[in-house]
Structures are given as C-alpha cells and as structure tokens.
Amino acid sequence: MPDVTTRATYKQYRHSSTVTSLKQFEGRGHSLTVDSGWKEIAVSVLRWIEEHQL
C-alpha cells in the first residue's frame, strides 16, 4: 500500500478516542500472517497491546 494512503487513513483517526499508532513494515504485503518474517510483526503487535494495556 502506498505510504500516502497509509498516512491518510491514519490521519482520519486523529479526532477519535480510539488508541491508534502508525507502524510501517518495509517490504511487507497484506499477507502478514503467512509471509516470512511474520513473527517480527506479531511481536510488535503484542508489545503495542501490552504498552497500551488493551
């Protein structure tokens, strides 16, 4: 997905009470759970959840 699209989508949440963050993984596609390196993304997501106590 192009960076401009990702950032525009993220920006739409700026006034929301929802906890949001933008973290981009270079060279990754949409099949994160089956692509090589998926564990790195899973660890990042789990850390984010723990950090925000969700």
PDB file of N, CA and C in Angstrom:
ATOM      1  N   MET A   1       0.856  -1.170   0.000  1.00  0.00           N
ATOM      2  CA  MET A   1       0.000   0.000   0.000  1.00  0.00           C
ATOM      3  C   MET A   1       0.900   1.229   0.000  1.00  0.00           C
ATOM      4  N   PRO A   2       0.596   2.212  -0.793  1.00  0.00           N
ATOM      5  CA  PRO A   2       1.427   3.415  -0.839  1.00  0.00           C
ATOM      6  C   PRO A   2       1.433   4.150   0.507  1.00  0.00           C
ATOM      7  N   ASP A   3       2.556   4.735   0.836  1.00  0.00           N
ATOM      8  CA  ASP A   3       2.708   5.471   2.089  1.00  0.00           C
ATOM      9  C   ASP A   3       1.646   6.556   2.237  1.00  0.00           C
ATOM     10  N   VAL A   4       1.353   7.258   1.175  1.00  0.00           N
ATOM     11  CA  VAL A   4       0.371   8.345   1.243  1.00  0.00           C
ATOM     12  C   VAL A   4      -1.016   7.821   1.641  1.00  0.00           C
ATOM     13  N   THR A   5      -1.358   6.639   1.200  1.00  0.00           N
ATOM     14  CA  THR A   5      -2.643   6.030   1.558  1.00  0.00           C
ATOM     15  C   THR A   5      -2.666   5.640   3.027  1.00  0.00           C
ATOM     16  N   THR A   6      -1.589   5.036   3.479  1.00  0.00           N
ATOM     17  CA  THR A   6      -1.488   4.633   4.881  1.00  0.00           C
ATOM     18  C   THR A   6      -1.595   5.837   5.802  1.00  0.00           C
ATOM     19  N   ARG A   7      -0.858   6.874   5.491  1.00  0.00           N
ATOM     20  CA  ARG A   7      -0.873   8.081   6.325  1.00  0.00           C
ATOM     21  C   ARG A   7      -2.229   8.795   6.293  1.00  0.00           C
ATOM     22  N   ALA A   8      -2.882   8.808   5.149  1.00  0.00           N
ATOM     23  CA  ALA A   8      -4.202   9.427   5.047  1.00  0.00           C
ATOM     24  C   ALA A   8      -5.219   8.670   5.902  1.00  0.00           C
ATOM     25  N   THR A   9      -5.149   7.364   5.878  1.00  0.00           N
ATOM     26  CA  THR A   9      -6.050   6.551   6.694  1.00  0.00           C
ATOM     27  C   THR A   9      -5.787   6.795   8.170  1.00  0.00           C
ATOM     28  N   TYR A  10      -4.525   6.802   8.561  1.00  0.00           N
ATOM     29  CA  TYR A  10      -4.153   7.060   9.949  1.00  0.00           C
ATOM     30  C   TYR A  10      -4.660   8.434  10.394  1.00  0.00           C
ATOM     31  N   LYS A  11      -4.527   9.419   9.544  1.00  0.00           N
ATOM     32  CA  LYS A  11      -4.939  10.789   9.857  1.00  0.00           C
ATOM     33  C   LYS A  11      -6.442  10.877  10.140  1.00  0.00           C
ATOM     34  N   GLN A  12      -7.224  10.019   9.529  1.00  0.00           N
ATOM     35  CA  GLN A  12      -8.669  10.035   9.742  1.00  0.00           C
ATOM     36  C   GLN A  12      -9.042   9.729  11.187  1.00  0.00           C
ATOM     37  N   TYR A  13      -8.157   9.111  11.937  1.00  0.00           N
ATOM     38  CA  TYR A  13      -8.423   8.747  13.325  1.00  0.00           C
ATOM     39  C   TYR A  13      -7.967   9.817  14.320  1.00  0.00           C
ATOM     40  N   ARG A  14      -7.430  10.931  13.860  1.00  0.00           N
ATOM     41  CA  ARG A  14      -6.822  11.913  14.757  1.00  0.00           C
ATOM     42  C   ARG A  14      -7.772  12.493  15.796  1.00  0.00           C
ATOM     43  N   HIS A  15      -9.060  12.549  15.503  1.00  0.00           N
ATOM     44  CA  HIS A  15     -10.028  13.090  16.456  1.00  0.00           C
ATOM     45  C   HIS A  15     -10.808  11.990  17.188  1.00  0.00           C
ATOM     46  N   SER A  16     -10.440  10.783  16.962  1.00  0.00           N
ATOM     47  CA  SER A  16     -11.120   9.646  17.574  1.00  0.00           C
ATOM     48  C   SER A  16     -10.551   9.372  18.958  1.00  0.00           C
ATOM     49  N   SER A  17     -11.374   8.828  19.825  1.00  0.00           N
ATOM     50  CA  SER A  17     -10.885   8.425  21.154  1.00  0.00           C
ATOM     51  C   SER A  17     -10.180   7.068  21.091  1.00  0.00           C
ATOM     52  N   THR A  18     -10.197   6.449  19.936  1.00  0.00           N
ATOM     53  CA  THR A  18      -9.546   5.167  19.727  1.00  0.00           C
ATOM     54  C   THR A  18      -8.026   5.322  19.799  1.00  0.00           C
ATOM     55  N   VAL A  19      -7.364   4.400  20.465  1.00  0.00           N
ATOM     56  CA  VAL A  19      -5.907   4.419  20.547  1.00  0.00           C
ATOM     57  C   VAL A  19      -5.352   3.938  19.214  1.00  0.00           C
ATOM     58  N   THR A  20      -4.584   4.781  18.560  1.00  0.00           N
ATOM     59  CA  THR A  20      -4.011   4.412  17.268  1.00  0.00           C
ATOM     60  C   THR A  20      -2.535   4.756  17.212  1.00  0.00           C
ATOM     61  N   SER A  21      -1.818   4.027  16.402  1.00  0.00           N
ATOM     62  CA  SER A  21      -0.402   4.263  16.131  1.00  0.00           C
ATOM     63  C   SER A  21      -0.155   3.863  14.688  1.00  0.00           C
ATOM     64  N   LEU A  22       0.875   4.428  14.133  1.00  0.00           N
ATOM     65  CA  LEU A  22       1.266   4.048  12.773  1.00  0.00           C
ATOM     66  C   LEU A  22       2.645   3.420  12.835  1.00  0.00           C
ATOM     67  N   LYS A  23       2.716   2.182  12.424  1.00  0.00           N
ATOM     68  CA  LYS A  23       3.995   1.491  12.335  1.00  0.00           C
ATOM     69  C   LYS A  23       4.020   0.808  10.981  1.00  0.00           C
ATOM     70  N   GLN A  24       5.016   1.125  10.212  1.00  0.00           N
ATOM     71  CA  GLN A  24       5.123   0.546   8.883  1.00  0.00           C
ATOM     72  C   GLN A  24       6.259  -0.475   8.852  1.00  0.00           C
ATOM     73  N   PHE A  25       6.020  -1.545   8.128  1.00  0.00           N
ATOM     74  CA  PHE A  25       6.999  -2.605   7.964  1.00  0.00           C
ATOM     75  C   PHE A  25       7.402  -2.627   6.500  1.00  0.00           C
ATOM     76  N   GLU A  26       8.569  -2.115   6.223  1.00  0.00           N
ATOM     77  CA  GLU A  26       9.062  -2.017   4.848  1.00  0.00           C
ATOM     78  C   GLU A  26       9.101  -3.386   4.164  1.00  0.00           C
ATOM     79  N   GLY A  27       8.666  -3.398   2.923  1.00  0.00           N
ATOM     80  CA  GLY A  27       8.750  -4.608   2.121  1.00  0.00           C
ATOM     81  C   GLY A  27       7.738  -5.686   2.478  1.00  0.00           C
ATOM     82  N   ARG A  28       6.754  -5.339   3.283  1.00  0.00           N
ATOM     83  CA  ARG A  28       5.742  -6.329   3.688  1.00  0.00           C
ATOM     84  C   ARG A  28       4.467  -6.105   2.911  1.00  0.00           C
ATOM     85  N   GLY A  29       3.772  -7.192   2.643  1.00  0.00           N
ATOM     86  CA  GLY A  29       2.500  -7.115   1.948  1.00  0.00           C
ATOM     87  C   GLY A  29       1.344  -7.247   2.922  1.00  0.00           C
ATOM     88  N   HIS A  30       0.184  -7.576   2.395  1.00  0.00           N
ATOM     89  CA  HIS A  30      -1.013  -7.711   3.221  1.00  0.00           C
ATOM     90  C   HIS A  30      -1.158  -9.103   3.816  1.00  0.00           C
ATOM     91  N   SER A  31      -0.337 -10.039   3.393  1.00  0.00           N
ATOM     92  CA  SER A  31      -0.430 -11.413   3.908  1.00  0.00           C
ATOM     93  C   SER A  31       0.523 -11.595   5.077  1.00  0.00           C
ATOM     94  N   LEU A  32       0.429 -10.710   6.050  1.00  0.00           N
ATOM     95  CA  LEU A  32       1.387 -10.681   7.149  1.00  0.00           C
ATOM     96  C   LEU A  32       1.497 -11.988   7.905  1.00  0.00           C
ATOM     97  N   THR A  33       0.398 -12.708   8.034  1.00  0.00           N
ATOM     98  CA  THR A  33       0.430 -13.931   8.840  1.00  0.00           C
ATOM     99  C   THR A  33       1.039 -15.112   8.115  1.00  0.00           C
ATOM    100  N   VAL A  34       1.216 -15.029   6.810  1.00  0.00           N
ATOM    101  CA  VAL A  34       1.807 -16.146   6.075  1.00  0.00           C
ATOM    102  C   VAL A  34       3.129 -15.777   5.398  1.00  0.00           C
ATOM    103  N   ASP A  35       3.465 -14.501   5.381  1.00  0.00           N
ATOM    104  CA  ASP A  35       4.739 -14.072   4.789  1.00  0.00           C
ATOM    105  C   ASP A  35       5.892 -14.394   5.730  1.00  0.00           C
ATOM    106  N   SER A  36       7.070 -14.552   5.161  1.00  0.00           N
ATOM    107  CA  SER A  36       8.236 -14.756   6.015  1.00  0.00           C
ATOM    108  C   SER A  36       8.425 -13.509   6.868  1.00  0.00           C
ATOM    109  N   GLY A  37       8.893 -13.701   8.076  1.00  0.00           N
ATOM    110  CA  GLY A  37       9.097 -12.584   8.983  1.00  0.00           C
ATOM    111  C   GLY A  37       7.853 -12.192   9.764  1.00  0.00           C
ATOM    112  N   TRP A  38       6.808 -13.010   9.694  1.00  0.00           N
ATOM    113  CA  TRP A  38       5.557 -12.687  10.378  1.00  0.00           C
ATOM    114  C   TRP A  38       5.729 -12.597  11.888  1.00  0.00           C
ATOM    115  N   LYS A  39       6.692 -13.347  12.428  1.00  0.00           N
ATOM    116  CA  LYS A  39       6.888 -13.321  13.889  1.00  0.00           C
ATOM    117  C   LYS A  39       7.324 -11.944  14.366  1.00  0.00           C
ATOM    118  N   GLU A  40       8.136 -11.254  13.581  1.00  0.00           N
ATOM    119  CA  GLU A  40       8.571  -9.898  13.935  1.00  0.00           C
ATOM    120  C   GLU A  40       7.356  -8.971  14.080  1.00  0.00           C
ATOM    121  N   ILE A  41       6.411  -9.120  13.179  1.00  0.00           N
ATOM    122  CA  ILE A  41       5.212  -8.289  13.224  1.00  0.00           C
ATOM    123  C   ILE A  41       4.338  -8.688  14.408  1.00  0.00           C
ATOM    124  N   ALA A  42       4.195  -9.977  14.650  1.00  0.00           N
ATOM    125  CA  ALA A  42       3.397 -10.456  15.775  1.00  0.00           C
ATOM    126  C   ALA A  42       3.960  -9.942  17.094  1.00  0.00           C
ATOM    127  N   VAL A  43       5.268  -9.988  17.250  1.00  0.00           N
ATOM    128  CA  VAL A  43       5.908  -9.483  18.477  1.00  0.00           C
ATOM    129  C   VAL A  43       5.650  -7.985  18.625  1.00  0.00           C
ATOM    130  N   SER A  44       5.752  -7.247  17.533  1.00  0.00           N
ATOM    131  CA  SER A  44       5.495  -5.813  17.566  1.00  0.00           C
ATOM    132  C   SER A  44       4.055  -5.522  17.991  1.00  0.00           C
ATOM    133  N   VAL A  45       3.111  -6.271  17.457  1.00  0.00           N
ATOM    134  CA  VAL A  45       1.705  -6.078  17.804  1.00  0.00           C
ATOM    135  C   VAL A  45       1.472  -6.402  19.275  1.00  0.00           C
ATOM    136  N   LEU A  46       2.026  -7.500  19.752  1.00  0.00           N
ATOM    137  CA  LEU A  46       1.859  -7.870  21.159  1.00  0.00           C
ATOM    138  C   LEU A  46       2.463  -6.826  22.089  1.00  0.00           C
ATOM    139  N   ARG A  47       3.609  -6.290  21.741  1.00  0.00           N
ATOM    140  CA  ARG A  47       4.222  -5.222  22.551  1.00  0.00           C
ATOM    141  C   ARG A  47       3.338  -3.987  22.582  1.00  0.00           C
ATOM    142  N   TRP A  48       2.752  -3.642  21.427  1.00  0.00           N
ATOM    143  CA  TRP A  48       1.864  -2.488  21.360  1.00  0.00           C
ATOM    144  C   TRP A  48       0.655  -2.692  22.271  1.00  0.00           C
ATOM    145  N   ILE A  49       0.075  -3.878  22.229  1.00  0.00           N
ATOM    146  CA  ILE A  49      -1.085  -4.181  23.066  1.00  0.00           C
ATOM    147  C   ILE A  49      -0.718  -4.087  24.545  1.00  0.00           C
ATOM    148  N   GLU A  50       0.413  -4.668  24.918  1.00  0.00           N
ATOM    149  CA  GLU A  50       0.859  -4.603  26.310  1.00  0.00           C
ATOM    150  C   GLU A  50       1.121  -3.166  26.746  1.00  0.00           C
ATOM    151  N   GLU A  51       1.735  -2.399  25.889  1.00  0.00           N
ATOM    152  CA  GLU A  51       2.056  -0.992  26.172  1.00  0.00           C
ATOM    153  C   GLU A  51       0.790  -0.169  26.402  1.00  0.00           C
ATOM    154  N   HIS A  52      -0.261  -0.493  25.688  1.00  0.00           N
ATOM    155  CA  HIS A  52      -1.498   0.262  25.790  1.00  0.00           C
ATOM    156  C   HIS A  52      -2.526  -0.430  26.673  1.00  0.00           C
ATOM    157  N   GLN A  53      -2.154  -1.548  27.269  1.00  0.00           N
ATOM    158  CA  GLN A  53      -2.981  -2.294  28.205  1.00  0.00           C
ATOM    159  C   GLN A  53      -4.371  -2.564  27.650  1.00  0.00           C
ATOM    160  N   LEU A  54      -4.405  -3.106  26.450  1.00  0.00           N
ATOM    161  CA  LEU A  54      -5.697  -3.411  25.819  1.00  0.00           C
ATOM    162  C   LEU A  54      -6.074  -4.848  26.013  1.00  0.00           C
TER     163      LEU A  54
END
